[in-house]
N, C-alpha and C. Protein backbone atom coordinates (compact mmCIF):
# COMPACT_ATOMS: atom_id res chain seq x y z
N MET A 1 -14.86 -3.22 -11.32
CA MET A 1 -14.30 -1.99 -10.49
C MET A 1 -13.20 -1.55 -12.01
N ILE A 2 -12.56 -2.74 -12.97
CA ILE A 2 -11.72 -1.90 -13.69
C ILE A 2 -12.63 -1.14 -14.65
N GLN A 3 -13.81 -1.40 -15.11
CA GLN A 3 -14.39 -0.81 -15.91
C GLN A 3 -14.63 0.48 -15.80
N ARG A 4 -15.43 0.29 -14.54
CA ARG A 4 -15.98 1.88 -13.86
C ARG A 4 -14.92 2.78 -13.64
N ARG A 5 -13.48 2.44 -13.50
CA ARG A 5 -12.40 3.62 -13.19
C ARG A 5 -11.75 3.72 -14.47
N ARG A 6 -11.82 2.98 -15.58
CA ARG A 6 -11.29 2.90 -16.65
C ARG A 6 -9.84 2.61 -16.46
N GLU A 7 -9.02 2.19 -15.44
CA GLU A 7 -7.43 1.77 -15.51
C GLU A 7 -7.28 0.86 -14.53
N PRO A 8 -6.05 0.29 -14.45
CA PRO A 8 -6.04 -0.58 -13.46
C PRO A 8 -5.99 -0.64 -12.22
N LEU A 9 -6.42 -1.71 -11.81
CA LEU A 9 -6.35 -1.76 -10.16
C LEU A 9 -4.52 -2.23 -9.79
N SER A 10 -4.35 -1.28 -9.00
CA SER A 10 -2.87 -1.44 -8.81
C SER A 10 -2.21 -2.62 -7.90
N VAL A 11 -3.25 -3.14 -7.15
CA VAL A 11 -2.99 -4.08 -6.32
C VAL A 11 -4.21 -5.16 -6.20
N PRO A 12 -4.20 -6.41 -6.16
CA PRO A 12 -5.61 -6.90 -6.13
C PRO A 12 -6.43 -6.91 -4.79
N ASN A 13 -5.55 -6.40 -3.94
CA ASN A 13 -6.71 -6.29 -2.83
C ASN A 13 -7.70 -5.08 -2.42
N GLU A 14 -7.77 -4.11 -3.79
CA GLU A 14 -8.56 -3.26 -3.71
C GLU A 14 -9.92 -4.23 -4.10
N VAL A 15 -9.94 -5.32 -4.25
CA VAL A 15 -11.33 -5.97 -4.28
C VAL A 15 -11.71 -6.05 -3.33
N LEU A 16 -10.75 -6.62 -2.38
CA LEU A 16 -11.12 -7.26 -1.37
C LEU A 16 -11.64 -5.97 -0.25
N ILE A 17 -10.97 -4.76 -0.45
CA ILE A 17 -11.38 -3.52 0.43
C ILE A 17 -12.74 -3.02 -0.11
N TYR A 18 -12.95 -3.23 -1.39
CA TYR A 18 -14.18 -2.99 -1.84
C TYR A 18 -15.70 -4.02 -1.19
N LYS A 19 -15.68 -5.25 -1.16
CA LYS A 19 -16.01 -6.19 -0.99
C LYS A 19 -16.42 -5.92 0.72
N MET A 20 -15.11 -5.82 1.60
CA MET A 20 -15.28 -5.82 3.00
C MET A 20 -16.39 -4.45 2.76
N THR A 21 -16.02 -3.65 2.35
CA THR A 21 -16.79 -2.32 2.60
C THR A 21 -18.23 -2.53 2.06
N HIS A 22 -18.41 -3.03 0.93
CA HIS A 22 -19.93 -3.28 0.60
C HIS A 22 -20.80 -4.06 1.63
N GLU A 23 -19.75 -4.91 2.72
CA GLU A 23 -20.55 -5.53 3.78
C GLU A 23 -20.47 -5.02 4.91
N ALA A 24 -19.40 -3.69 5.28
CA ALA A 24 -19.70 -2.91 6.52
C ALA A 24 -21.13 -1.89 6.21
N LYS A 25 -21.08 -1.82 4.74
CA LYS A 25 -22.05 -0.41 4.62
C LYS A 25 -23.42 -0.59 5.33
N SER A 26 -23.73 -2.17 5.64
CA SER A 26 -25.11 -2.40 6.51
C SER A 26 -25.18 -1.79 8.04
N HIS A 27 -23.73 -1.50 8.44
CA HIS A 27 -23.62 -1.25 9.70
C HIS A 27 -23.35 0.39 10.20
N SER A 28 -22.74 0.88 9.02
CA SER A 28 -22.29 2.08 8.86
C SER A 28 -21.57 2.59 7.59
N SER A 29 -21.79 3.83 7.29
CA SER A 29 -21.26 4.85 6.19
C SER A 29 -20.28 5.36 6.58
N VAL A 30 -19.72 5.30 7.40
CA VAL A 30 -18.28 5.70 7.85
C VAL A 30 -17.38 4.98 8.34
N LEU A 31 -16.16 4.65 7.96
CA LEU A 31 -15.51 3.69 8.63
C LEU A 31 -14.04 4.35 8.77
N LEU A 32 -13.37 3.78 9.80
CA LEU A 32 -11.56 4.13 10.46
C LEU A 32 -10.96 3.37 9.50
N SER A 33 -10.11 3.93 9.08
CA SER A 33 -8.82 3.20 8.44
C SER A 33 -7.62 3.33 8.91
N GLY A 34 -6.33 2.09 8.74
CA GLY A 34 -4.82 2.89 9.66
C GLY A 34 -4.10 3.44 8.48
N GLU A 35 -4.68 3.16 7.24
CA GLU A 35 -3.36 3.90 6.40
C GLU A 35 -2.69 5.08 6.94
N GLY A 36 -1.25 5.35 6.82
CA GLY A 36 -1.02 6.03 7.49
C GLY A 36 0.06 5.48 8.69
N ALA A 37 -0.19 4.64 9.07
CA ALA A 37 0.25 4.46 10.33
C ALA A 37 2.03 3.35 10.25
N ASP A 38 2.20 2.48 8.96
CA ASP A 38 3.04 1.92 8.60
C ASP A 38 4.10 3.00 8.25
N GLU A 39 3.64 3.69 7.30
CA GLU A 39 4.72 5.11 7.02
C GLU A 39 5.35 5.69 8.51
N LEU A 40 4.20 6.21 9.20
CA LEU A 40 5.02 7.01 10.44
C LEU A 40 5.95 5.95 11.43
N PHE A 41 5.03 4.97 11.44
CA PHE A 41 5.91 3.89 12.47
C PHE A 41 6.84 2.85 11.90
N PHE A 42 7.29 2.92 10.54
CA PHE A 42 7.98 1.99 9.75
C PHE A 42 7.73 0.84 9.97
N GLY A 43 6.43 0.56 9.66
CA GLY A 43 5.46 -0.80 9.78
C GLY A 43 6.06 -1.92 8.75
N TYR A 44 6.39 -1.22 7.65
CA TYR A 44 7.22 -1.98 6.59
C TYR A 44 8.46 -2.23 6.94
N ASP A 45 8.75 -3.59 7.84
CA ASP A 45 9.86 -3.77 8.56
C ASP A 45 10.90 -4.27 7.88
N ARG A 46 10.71 -5.10 6.75
CA ARG A 46 11.94 -5.56 5.82
C ARG A 46 12.56 -4.30 5.00
N ILE A 47 11.55 -3.36 4.50
CA ILE A 47 12.21 -2.70 3.95
C ILE A 47 13.01 -1.21 4.63
N PHE A 48 12.48 -1.18 6.05
CA PHE A 48 13.07 -0.11 6.78
C PHE A 48 14.53 -0.80 7.33
N ARG A 49 13.83 -2.05 7.64
CA ARG A 49 15.22 -2.42 8.37
C ARG A 49 16.79 -2.35 7.15
N TRP A 50 16.68 -2.71 6.52
CA TRP A 50 17.55 -2.86 5.27
C TRP A 50 17.69 -1.36 4.80
N ALA A 51 17.27 -0.21 4.80
CA ALA A 51 17.40 1.07 4.73
C ALA A 51 18.26 1.83 5.86
N ALA A 52 17.60 1.06 7.43
CA ALA A 52 18.38 1.72 8.16
C ALA A 52 19.85 1.14 8.29
N GLY A 53 20.29 0.11 7.81
CA GLY A 53 21.55 -0.71 8.35
C GLY A 53 22.16 -0.67 6.75
N ALA A 54 21.71 0.40 5.38
CA ALA A 54 22.16 0.28 4.34
C ALA A 54 23.46 1.52 4.59
N ARG A 55 24.48 1.35 3.61
CA ARG A 55 25.44 2.16 3.82
C ARG A 55 25.39 3.53 2.61
N GLN A 56 24.87 2.89 1.58
CA GLN A 56 24.56 3.49 0.43
C GLN A 56 23.22 3.00 -0.26
N TRP A 57 22.70 4.28 -0.96
CA TRP A 57 21.28 4.00 -1.74
C TRP A 57 21.70 2.31 -2.63
N ASP A 58 20.66 1.63 -2.69
CA ASP A 58 20.83 0.41 -3.63
C ASP A 58 19.66 0.42 -4.64
N LEU A 59 19.66 0.94 -5.61
CA LEU A 59 18.14 0.94 -6.11
C LEU A 59 17.68 -0.50 -6.46
N ALA A 60 18.77 -1.28 -6.78
CA ALA A 60 18.22 -2.77 -7.33
C ALA A 60 17.94 -3.53 -6.10
N GLU A 61 18.42 -3.22 -4.98
CA GLU A 61 17.99 -3.86 -3.92
C GLU A 61 16.51 -3.49 -3.01
N PHE A 62 16.51 -2.36 -3.38
CA PHE A 62 14.87 -1.49 -2.89
C PHE A 62 14.22 -2.20 -3.56
N ALA A 63 14.24 -2.06 -5.00
CA ALA A 63 13.18 -2.67 -5.72
C ALA A 63 12.72 -4.47 -5.24
N LYS A 64 13.76 -5.15 -5.32
CA LYS A 64 13.54 -6.24 -4.64
C LYS A 64 12.71 -6.71 -3.78
N LEU A 65 12.65 -5.74 -2.97
CA LEU A 65 12.14 -6.02 -1.62
C LEU A 65 10.77 -4.80 -1.83
N TYR A 66 10.49 -4.11 -2.71
CA TYR A 66 9.29 -3.40 -2.58
C TYR A 66 8.67 -4.06 -3.68
N SER A 67 8.95 -4.56 -5.01
CA SER A 67 8.14 -4.86 -6.07
C SER A 67 7.86 -6.16 -5.74
N TYR A 68 6.18 -5.93 -6.57
CA TYR A 68 5.73 -7.87 -6.66
C TYR A 68 6.12 -8.58 -7.48
N GLY A 69 6.27 -7.80 -8.68
CA GLY A 69 5.95 -9.01 -9.82
C GLY A 69 7.91 -9.55 -10.05
N THR A 70 7.61 -10.23 -11.15
CA THR A 70 8.97 -10.49 -11.69
C THR A 70 9.75 -9.98 -12.53
N HIS A 71 8.93 -9.11 -12.95
CA HIS A 71 10.27 -7.95 -13.61
C HIS A 71 10.51 -6.74 -13.04
N SER A 72 11.86 -6.59 -13.66
CA SER A 72 12.74 -6.05 -12.81
C SER A 72 12.34 -4.53 -12.99
N ASP A 73 12.09 -3.55 -14.26
CA ASP A 73 11.57 -2.29 -14.57
C ASP A 73 12.23 -1.58 -13.40
N LEU A 74 13.33 -1.43 -13.43
CA LEU A 74 14.09 -0.56 -12.70
C LEU A 74 13.83 0.89 -12.92
N GLU A 75 13.62 1.36 -14.51
CA GLU A 75 13.82 2.30 -14.81
C GLU A 75 12.25 3.28 -14.13
N ILE A 76 11.21 2.34 -13.98
CA ILE A 76 10.26 3.03 -13.53
C ILE A 76 10.23 2.92 -11.80
N VAL A 77 10.89 2.21 -10.88
CA VAL A 77 11.07 2.61 -9.57
C VAL A 77 11.87 3.46 -9.56
N GLU A 78 12.83 3.81 -10.53
CA GLU A 78 13.95 4.95 -10.22
C GLU A 78 13.33 6.38 -10.34
N ASP A 79 12.36 6.43 -11.38
CA ASP A 79 11.43 7.64 -11.76
C ASP A 79 10.52 8.10 -10.37
N ALA A 80 9.84 6.90 -10.02
CA ALA A 80 8.99 7.18 -8.74
C ALA A 80 9.46 7.64 -7.92
N LEU A 81 11.31 7.24 -7.50
CA LEU A 81 12.01 7.77 -6.74
C LEU A 81 12.69 8.98 -6.70
N ALA A 82 12.75 9.46 -7.97
CA ALA A 82 13.46 10.64 -8.25
C ALA A 82 13.31 11.56 -7.33
N PRO A 83 12.01 11.98 -6.88
CA PRO A 83 12.15 13.23 -6.26
C PRO A 83 13.00 13.38 -4.82
N PHE A 84 13.23 12.06 -4.21
CA PHE A 84 13.49 11.67 -2.86
C PHE A 84 14.89 11.37 -3.28
N LEU A 85 15.70 10.88 -3.97
CA LEU A 85 17.07 10.64 -4.14
C LEU A 85 17.95 11.46 -3.72
N PRO A 86 17.82 12.98 -3.99
CA PRO A 86 18.61 13.94 -3.36
C PRO A 86 18.64 13.75 -1.81
N LEU A 87 18.01 13.20 -0.99
CA LEU A 87 18.16 12.94 0.24
C LEU A 87 19.52 12.22 0.63
N LYS A 88 19.92 11.28 -0.32
CA LYS A 88 21.23 10.40 -0.25
C LYS A 88 21.18 9.37 0.82
N GLU A 89 20.62 9.75 2.12
CA GLU A 89 20.74 8.63 2.95
C GLU A 89 19.30 7.86 2.62
N PRO A 90 19.66 6.42 2.77
CA PRO A 90 18.75 5.28 2.48
C PRO A 90 17.37 5.51 3.11
N LEU A 91 17.96 5.58 4.37
CA LEU A 91 16.21 5.51 5.35
C LEU A 91 15.60 6.97 5.06
N ALA A 92 16.43 8.08 4.80
CA ALA A 92 15.66 9.29 3.95
C ALA A 92 14.70 9.23 3.46
N ILE A 93 15.24 8.32 2.23
CA ILE A 93 14.87 8.27 0.75
C ILE A 93 13.57 7.38 0.87
N VAL A 94 13.73 6.42 1.74
CA VAL A 94 12.80 5.27 1.77
C VAL A 94 11.74 6.06 2.68
N SER A 95 11.85 6.74 3.87
CA SER A 95 10.77 7.37 4.47
C SER A 95 10.23 8.35 3.97
N HIS A 96 10.64 9.10 2.96
CA HIS A 96 9.96 10.00 2.56
C HIS A 96 9.27 9.63 1.27
N PHE A 97 9.92 8.73 0.56
CA PHE A 97 9.07 7.75 -0.21
C PHE A 97 7.60 7.31 0.37
N PHE A 98 7.81 6.73 1.03
CA PHE A 98 6.70 5.90 1.88
C PHE A 98 5.61 7.23 2.22
N GLN A 99 6.04 7.91 2.91
CA GLN A 99 4.92 9.28 3.21
C GLN A 99 4.69 10.28 2.35
N VAL A 100 5.08 10.20 1.40
CA VAL A 100 4.76 10.75 0.07
C VAL A 100 3.79 9.74 -0.98
N ALA A 101 4.73 9.39 -1.72
CA ALA A 101 4.36 9.12 -2.88
C ALA A 101 3.68 7.73 -2.91
N HIS A 102 4.18 6.52 -1.73
CA HIS A 102 3.76 5.34 -1.58
C HIS A 102 1.70 5.52 -0.89
N LEU A 103 2.06 6.43 -0.14
CA LEU A 103 1.02 6.89 0.68
C LEU A 103 -0.47 7.59 -0.08
N HIS A 104 0.01 7.94 -0.90
CA HIS A 104 -0.43 8.67 -1.67
C HIS A 104 -1.97 7.71 -2.37
N GLY A 105 -1.00 6.64 -2.88
CA GLY A 105 -1.58 5.37 -3.93
C GLY A 105 -2.57 4.82 -2.74
N LEU A 106 -1.83 4.60 -1.51
CA LEU A 106 -3.13 3.74 -0.46
C LEU A 106 -4.20 4.59 -0.52
N LEU A 107 -3.98 5.95 -0.09
CA LEU A 107 -5.19 6.61 0.14
C LEU A 107 -5.99 6.63 -1.27
N ARG A 108 -5.89 6.63 -2.51
CA ARG A 108 -6.42 6.89 -3.97
C ARG A 108 -7.56 5.40 -3.75
N ARG A 109 -6.32 4.05 -3.25
CA ARG A 109 -7.23 2.72 -3.36
C ARG A 109 -8.44 3.06 -2.47
N LEU A 110 -7.78 3.42 -0.90
CA LEU A 110 -9.09 3.40 0.00
C LEU A 110 -10.09 3.90 -0.57
N ASP A 111 -9.82 5.36 -1.20
CA ASP A 111 -11.14 6.21 -1.57
C ASP A 111 -11.48 5.55 -3.05
N ASN A 112 -11.23 5.20 -3.69
CA ASN A 112 -11.54 4.67 -4.76
C ASN A 112 -12.77 3.29 -4.44
N SER A 113 -12.01 2.61 -3.75
CA SER A 113 -13.02 1.46 -3.38
C SER A 113 -13.84 1.33 -2.29
N THR A 114 -13.99 2.55 -1.55
CA THR A 114 -14.93 2.67 -0.69
C THR A 114 -15.77 3.53 -0.73
N MET A 115 -15.59 4.52 -1.89
CA MET A 115 -16.89 5.30 -2.58
C MET A 115 -17.77 4.67 -3.68
N LEU A 116 -16.89 3.63 -4.03
CA LEU A 116 -17.72 2.61 -4.60
C LEU A 116 -19.39 2.35 -4.00
N CYS A 117 -18.59 2.18 -2.78
CA CYS A 117 -20.04 1.28 -2.05
C CYS A 117 -20.72 2.70 -1.30
N SER A 118 -20.56 3.73 -1.53
CA SER A 118 -21.06 5.10 -1.07
C SER A 118 -20.86 5.08 0.36
N VAL A 119 -19.63 4.74 0.84
CA VAL A 119 -18.86 5.13 2.04
C VAL A 119 -17.90 6.11 2.36
N GLU A 120 -17.99 6.42 3.42
CA GLU A 120 -16.40 7.22 3.39
C GLU A 120 -15.37 6.55 4.76
N ALA A 121 -14.50 6.86 4.18
CA ALA A 121 -13.09 6.37 5.23
C ALA A 121 -12.15 7.00 5.51
N ARG A 122 -12.52 7.36 6.93
CA ARG A 122 -11.13 8.34 7.37
C ARG A 122 -10.21 7.83 7.75
N ALA A 123 -9.12 8.35 7.64
CA ALA A 123 -7.76 7.81 8.06
C ALA A 123 -7.00 8.87 9.21
N PRO A 124 -7.38 8.31 10.72
CA PRO A 124 -7.12 9.22 11.62
C PRO A 124 -5.59 9.69 11.49
N PHE A 125 -4.37 8.92 10.91
CA PHE A 125 -3.12 8.88 11.16
C PHE A 125 -2.92 9.46 10.17
N VAL A 126 -3.55 10.30 9.11
CA VAL A 126 -2.93 10.98 7.90
C VAL A 126 -3.80 12.26 8.59
N GLU A 127 -4.50 12.44 9.14
CA GLU A 127 -5.59 13.52 9.28
C GLU A 127 -4.93 14.51 10.39
N GLN A 128 -4.36 13.61 11.08
CA GLN A 128 -3.51 14.52 12.69
C GLN A 128 -2.16 14.92 12.30
N HIS A 129 -2.18 16.11 12.19
CA HIS A 129 -1.01 16.68 11.59
C HIS A 129 -0.11 17.47 12.84
N PRO A 130 -0.46 17.31 14.19
CA PRO A 130 0.42 17.13 15.14
C PRO A 130 0.84 15.98 14.94
N LEU A 131 0.80 14.77 14.83
CA LEU A 131 1.51 13.68 14.99
C LEU A 131 2.33 13.41 14.13
N ILE A 132 2.00 13.94 13.00
CA ILE A 132 2.91 14.11 11.69
C ILE A 132 4.33 14.57 11.93
N GLU A 133 3.56 15.75 12.39
CA GLU A 133 4.88 16.77 12.69
C GLU A 133 5.72 16.32 14.02
N ARG A 134 5.26 15.65 14.87
CA ARG A 134 5.91 15.01 16.05
C ARG A 134 6.64 14.15 15.61
N MET A 135 6.08 13.14 14.94
CA MET A 135 7.15 11.93 14.15
C MET A 135 8.38 12.39 13.26
N ALA A 136 8.17 13.63 12.71
CA ALA A 136 9.34 14.29 11.69
C ALA A 136 10.65 14.25 12.19
N GLY A 137 11.15 13.42 11.77
CA GLY A 137 13.25 13.58 12.28
C GLY A 137 12.96 12.31 13.71
N VAL A 138 11.74 11.84 14.27
CA VAL A 138 12.17 10.62 14.99
C VAL A 138 12.86 9.69 14.58
N PRO A 139 14.08 9.14 15.36
CA PRO A 139 14.96 8.25 14.80
C PRO A 139 14.21 7.10 14.69
N TYR A 140 15.03 6.15 14.17
CA TYR A 140 14.76 4.73 13.78
C TYR A 140 14.37 3.87 14.95
N ASP A 141 15.54 4.04 16.14
CA ASP A 141 15.51 3.33 17.25
C ASP A 141 14.36 3.82 18.21
N TYR A 142 13.55 4.66 18.05
CA TYR A 142 12.52 5.05 18.78
C TYR A 142 11.48 4.20 17.81
N ARG A 143 11.28 4.55 17.01
CA ARG A 143 10.05 4.22 15.73
C ARG A 143 9.83 2.27 15.95
N MET A 144 11.36 1.91 16.22
CA MET A 144 11.42 0.62 15.98
C MET A 144 12.46 0.32 17.17
N GLN A 145 11.79 0.29 18.37
CA GLN A 145 13.03 -0.45 19.42
C GLN A 145 12.84 -1.53 19.80
N SER A 146 14.01 -2.07 19.90
CA SER A 146 14.78 -3.13 20.36
C SER A 146 13.96 -4.30 19.29
N GLY A 147 13.73 -3.47 18.04
CA GLY A 147 13.42 -4.65 16.55
C GLY A 147 11.79 -4.58 16.70
N GLU A 148 10.94 -3.87 17.72
CA GLU A 148 9.91 -4.36 17.60
C GLU A 148 8.70 -3.50 16.62
N ILE A 149 8.09 -4.04 15.83
CA ILE A 149 7.40 -2.98 14.76
C ILE A 149 6.56 -1.74 15.41
N LYS A 150 6.33 -0.84 15.26
CA LYS A 150 5.61 0.16 15.39
C LYS A 150 5.53 0.20 16.70
N ALA A 151 6.79 0.28 17.99
CA ALA A 151 6.70 0.26 19.20
C ALA A 151 6.03 1.08 19.59
N PRO A 152 6.06 2.09 19.10
CA PRO A 152 5.68 3.48 19.57
C PRO A 152 3.81 3.09 20.03
N LEU A 153 3.35 2.97 18.99
CA LEU A 153 1.81 2.57 19.08
C LEU A 153 1.49 1.46 19.92
N LYS A 154 2.29 0.22 20.20
CA LYS A 154 2.16 -0.72 20.88
C LYS A 154 2.39 -0.61 22.04
N ARG A 155 2.97 0.80 22.66
CA ARG A 155 3.44 1.13 23.92
C ARG A 155 1.98 1.72 24.24
N ILE A 156 1.47 2.89 23.83
CA ILE A 156 0.57 3.27 23.75
C ILE A 156 -0.75 2.58 24.25
N PHE A 157 -0.94 1.42 23.10
CA PHE A 157 -2.43 0.55 23.07
C PHE A 157 -2.31 -0.61 24.08
N ARG A 158 -1.06 -0.49 24.61
CA ARG A 158 -0.89 -2.17 25.46
C ARG A 158 -2.16 -2.43 26.37
N ASP A 159 -2.66 -1.59 27.08
CA ASP A 159 -3.85 -1.38 28.05
C ASP A 159 -5.26 -1.79 27.44
N LEU A 160 -4.93 -1.40 25.92
CA LEU A 160 -6.52 -1.14 25.48
C LEU A 160 -6.70 -2.51 24.31
N ILE A 161 -5.22 -2.83 23.87
CA ILE A 161 -5.39 -4.08 22.94
C ILE A 161 -5.12 -5.51 23.15
N PRO A 162 -5.95 -6.35 23.41
CA PRO A 162 -5.27 -7.71 23.91
C PRO A 162 -3.85 -8.12 23.39
N THR A 163 -3.33 -8.57 24.22
CA THR A 163 -1.82 -9.25 23.59
C THR A 163 -1.86 -9.59 22.38
N PRO A 164 -2.69 -11.38 22.36
CA PRO A 164 -2.28 -11.80 21.11
C PRO A 164 -2.73 -10.62 19.88
N VAL A 165 -3.46 -9.89 19.78
CA VAL A 165 -3.71 -9.29 18.61
C VAL A 165 -2.51 -8.05 18.71
N LEU A 166 -2.13 -7.27 19.52
CA LEU A 166 -1.11 -6.51 19.74
C LEU A 166 0.20 -7.13 19.02
N GLN A 167 0.50 -8.49 19.79
CA GLN A 167 1.95 -8.89 19.41
C GLN A 167 1.68 -10.04 18.14
N ARG A 168 0.78 -9.92 16.98
CA ARG A 168 0.97 -11.08 16.16
C ARG A 168 1.30 -10.44 15.14
N LYS A 169 1.85 -11.35 14.25
CA LYS A 169 3.00 -11.52 13.22
C LYS A 169 2.39 -10.36 12.25
N LYS A 170 2.85 -9.31 11.81
CA LYS A 170 2.40 -8.73 10.78
C LYS A 170 2.20 -9.26 9.52
N VAL A 171 1.04 -9.08 8.92
CA VAL A 171 0.59 -9.56 7.75
C VAL A 171 -0.38 -8.33 6.42
N GLY A 172 -0.26 -8.81 5.48
CA GLY A 172 -0.50 -7.47 4.59
C GLY A 172 -2.20 -8.19 4.41
N PHE A 173 -2.72 -7.96 3.54
CA PHE A 173 -3.96 -8.16 2.90
C PHE A 173 -3.83 -9.02 1.95
N PRO A 174 -3.41 -10.29 2.14
CA PRO A 174 -3.19 -11.11 1.30
C PRO A 174 -4.58 -11.84 0.36
N VAL A 175 -4.14 -11.79 -1.00
CA VAL A 175 -5.31 -12.36 -2.07
C VAL A 175 -5.16 -13.71 -2.64
N PRO A 176 -5.46 -14.71 -2.75
CA PRO A 176 -5.13 -15.94 -3.21
C PRO A 176 -4.95 -16.01 -4.86
N LEU A 177 -3.94 -15.47 -5.23
CA LEU A 177 -4.35 -14.96 -6.76
C LEU A 177 -3.94 -16.22 -7.48
N ASP A 178 -2.98 -17.43 -6.69
CA ASP A 178 -2.72 -18.49 -7.58
C ASP A 178 -3.98 -19.37 -7.64
N ARG A 179 -5.02 -18.95 -6.94
CA ARG A 179 -6.65 -19.84 -6.95
C ARG A 179 -7.50 -19.11 -7.71
N ILE A 180 -7.13 -18.35 -8.52
CA ILE A 180 -7.68 -17.85 -9.57
C ILE A 180 -7.39 -17.72 -10.99
N PRO A 181 -8.54 -18.66 -11.72
CA PRO A 181 -7.96 -19.07 -13.18
C PRO A 181 -8.14 -18.05 -14.04
N PHE A 182 -6.76 -17.16 -14.17
CA PHE A 182 -7.07 -15.61 -15.09
C PHE A 182 -7.10 -16.48 -16.56
N GLN A 183 -7.69 -16.04 -17.46
CA GLN A 183 -7.19 -15.93 -19.06
C GLN A 183 -7.05 -14.84 -19.60
N PRO A 184 -5.74 -15.28 -20.73
CA PRO A 184 -4.95 -16.11 -20.82
C PRO A 184 -4.18 -16.51 -19.49
N THR A 185 -3.56 -17.63 -19.67
CA THR A 185 -2.64 -18.09 -18.71
C THR A 185 -1.67 -18.42 -19.35
N THR A 186 -0.43 -17.18 -18.12
CA THR A 186 0.77 -17.61 -18.99
C THR A 186 1.61 -18.49 -17.53
N ASN A 187 2.90 -18.77 -18.38
CA ASN A 187 3.62 -19.29 -17.28
C ASN A 187 4.82 -18.14 -16.27
N THR A 188 3.69 -17.06 -15.35
CA THR A 188 4.18 -16.33 -15.14
C THR A 188 3.75 -16.30 -13.80
N SER A 189 4.31 -15.29 -12.49
CA SER A 189 3.84 -15.41 -11.49
C SER A 189 2.46 -14.67 -11.07
N PRO A 190 1.78 -15.37 -10.21
CA PRO A 190 0.48 -14.72 -10.13
C PRO A 190 -0.09 -13.22 -10.18
N MET A 191 0.66 -12.43 -9.57
CA MET A 191 1.09 -10.94 -9.97
C MET A 191 1.13 -10.40 -10.94
N ASP A 192 1.89 -11.06 -11.70
CA ASP A 192 2.04 -10.91 -13.52
C ASP A 192 0.55 -11.10 -14.19
N ARG A 193 0.42 -12.69 -14.06
CA ARG A 193 -0.99 -12.77 -14.46
C ARG A 193 -2.26 -11.56 -14.15
N TRP A 194 -1.94 -11.43 -12.79
CA TRP A 194 -3.34 -10.12 -12.54
C TRP A 194 -3.07 -8.87 -13.23
N LEU A 195 -1.65 -8.52 -13.37
CA LEU A 195 -1.57 -7.23 -14.46
C LEU A 195 -2.18 -7.49 -15.82
N GLU A 196 -1.60 -8.90 -16.60
CA GLU A 196 -2.26 -9.15 -17.79
C GLU A 196 -3.94 -9.05 -17.70
N PHE A 197 -4.63 -9.75 -16.58
CA PHE A 197 -6.10 -9.93 -16.68
C PHE A 197 -6.16 -8.24 -16.43
N ASN A 198 -5.89 -6.88 -15.84
CA ASN A 198 -6.00 -5.49 -15.83
C ASN A 198 -6.16 -5.23 -17.15
N LEU A 199 -5.02 -5.39 -17.92
CA LEU A 199 -5.13 -5.15 -19.49
C LEU A 199 -5.85 -5.59 -20.20
N ALA A 200 -5.87 -7.23 -19.84
CA ALA A 200 -6.86 -7.57 -21.01
C ALA A 200 -8.41 -6.67 -20.67
N VAL A 201 -8.87 -6.56 -19.63
CA VAL A 201 -10.11 -5.97 -19.49
C VAL A 201 -10.33 -4.50 -20.04
N LEU A 202 -9.24 -3.96 -19.68
CA LEU A 202 -9.03 -2.28 -19.96
C LEU A 202 -9.24 -2.59 -21.89
N GLY A 203 -8.37 -3.45 -22.18
CA GLY A 203 -8.47 -3.88 -23.86
C GLY A 203 -9.72 -4.27 -24.42
N ALA A 204 -10.51 -5.44 -23.55
CA ALA A 204 -12.23 -5.58 -23.99
C ALA A 204 -12.82 -4.60 -23.90
N ASP A 205 -12.69 -3.25 -23.06
CA ASP A 205 -13.35 -2.36 -22.99
C ASP A 205 -13.22 -1.21 -24.09
N VAL A 206 -12.04 -0.82 -24.29
CA VAL A 206 -12.02 0.03 -25.39
C VAL A 206 -12.69 -1.00 -26.79
N GLU A 207 -12.41 -2.06 -26.83
CA GLU A 207 -12.86 -2.57 -28.13
C GLU A 207 -14.36 -2.30 -28.27
N THR A 208 -15.05 -2.76 -27.16
CA THR A 208 -16.54 -2.71 -27.35
C THR A 208 -16.81 -0.95 -27.10
N GLY A 209 -16.18 -0.25 -26.77
CA GLY A 209 -16.54 1.53 -26.65
C GLY A 209 -17.23 1.81 -25.57
N HIS A 210 -16.91 1.21 -24.63
CA HIS A 210 -17.42 1.47 -23.20
C HIS A 210 -16.57 2.54 -22.87
N ASN A 211 -15.13 2.69 -23.24
CA ASN A 211 -13.88 3.90 -23.15
C ASN A 211 -15.16 4.95 -23.60
N LYS A 212 -16.25 5.06 -23.92
CA LYS A 212 -16.50 6.41 -24.24
C LYS A 212 -17.62 6.87 -23.43
N LYS A 213 -18.30 5.77 -22.01
CA LYS A 213 -18.91 6.36 -21.24
C LYS A 213 -18.75 7.02 -20.60
N VAL A 214 -19.47 7.75 -19.80
CA VAL A 214 -19.11 8.79 -18.81
C VAL A 214 -19.63 8.01 -17.62
N VAL A 215 -18.79 7.58 -16.23
CA VAL A 215 -19.31 7.07 -15.23
C VAL A 215 -19.10 8.03 -14.15
N LEU A 216 -20.23 8.18 -13.42
CA LEU A 216 -20.43 9.35 -12.68
C LEU A 216 -20.27 8.53 -10.67
C-alpha cells in the first residue's frame, strides 16, 4: 500500500480497512461506512469532554489528547488547527477541526483503502446535507446528553439495534503494533516505529527507482 500510494499511511488501521474490504468484496462491491458520525455527534468523547469544560484554548492539552506518537510536534498540530483558532472557544475549535480537517483525512483513508479493492465505500453521515445542517449549532448537552456518547443516535436506533451493541464501550480500530517486529527496532513507542517503517519503505522505494513508476 505504501509503494502504490507513494506516501506514508497515516495510521496502521488503513491496512486493516484494506484487508476487511478485500474480504467483503466477495459479497458486495458497495459498502456503507460510519465516517462522520463521531464528528457530528461528538463521539471522540475524551477530547470533546475536555473542550466543553475548558475555559480557554490549550494547544498542548489538545495535542496530548489527539496525538498518538511520543513526539510533541506542537508546530505541526498548531498549523493544522490554524484555520479554526479564530473561533476562540475550545469546543468550537475542536468541533470545526474534526468536521472539516480530521474528517477529510478519514474519508481519504477510506477511499484509498477501499478503491484498492475496487469497492465503493459510501458514508451516509457525510452525504446527508440536511443532517449536517440540522446538527450545526446543536449544543453539547444534546449531542452528549447525560454524558452518553452519541446520545441522539442511540435514541433513534434504540428499537433497532441490540442493547449490548448499542451500549458497548467505544473502541477504535486497534492494531497490535507491539506484536509486529518492525525493522529497524528502536526504543520508541509502537506508533513511532510504525512511522519509521513507513519512511523506511519509502526510502527503499526511491533507491530502487519505484518512484518513477506510474500506478493507475
